[in-house]
Amino acid sequence: MVSHVGHAALACCSGGKSYLSPEYSYQHMSAAKSGQHRKDIRPGLIVDVILKKDQRTGKRTRGIVKELLTNSSFHPHGIKVRLEDGQVGRVAEVID
């Protein structure tokens, strides 16, 4: 059993063994960042955001960060940013 990994990463199978699920590997080992941590976002980065009007559908809008609007170091729905074109949304993924 892997004990140093968070419970979300573990999936149980018969025999009481645990393993890292493929979903965990893809989501957490890829170069992309989720946008939930303020330290990962800075002006000038290309990001995908979800605008308020698109929250129901999850449609993403790509843009360049102009400024960070969330003051806390972490937000579960993504750090709120203003893009260079003036649109405001929560970062779904950091592209570059």
Foldseek 3Di string as FASTA:
>chain_A
DDDVDDPVQWDADPPRDIDGDPVCCVVPVDPKDQQFFPVVDDFQFWFWFQAPVRPVVSDTDIATFPAWDDPDGGDPRHTWTAGPVGGIGGTGITDD
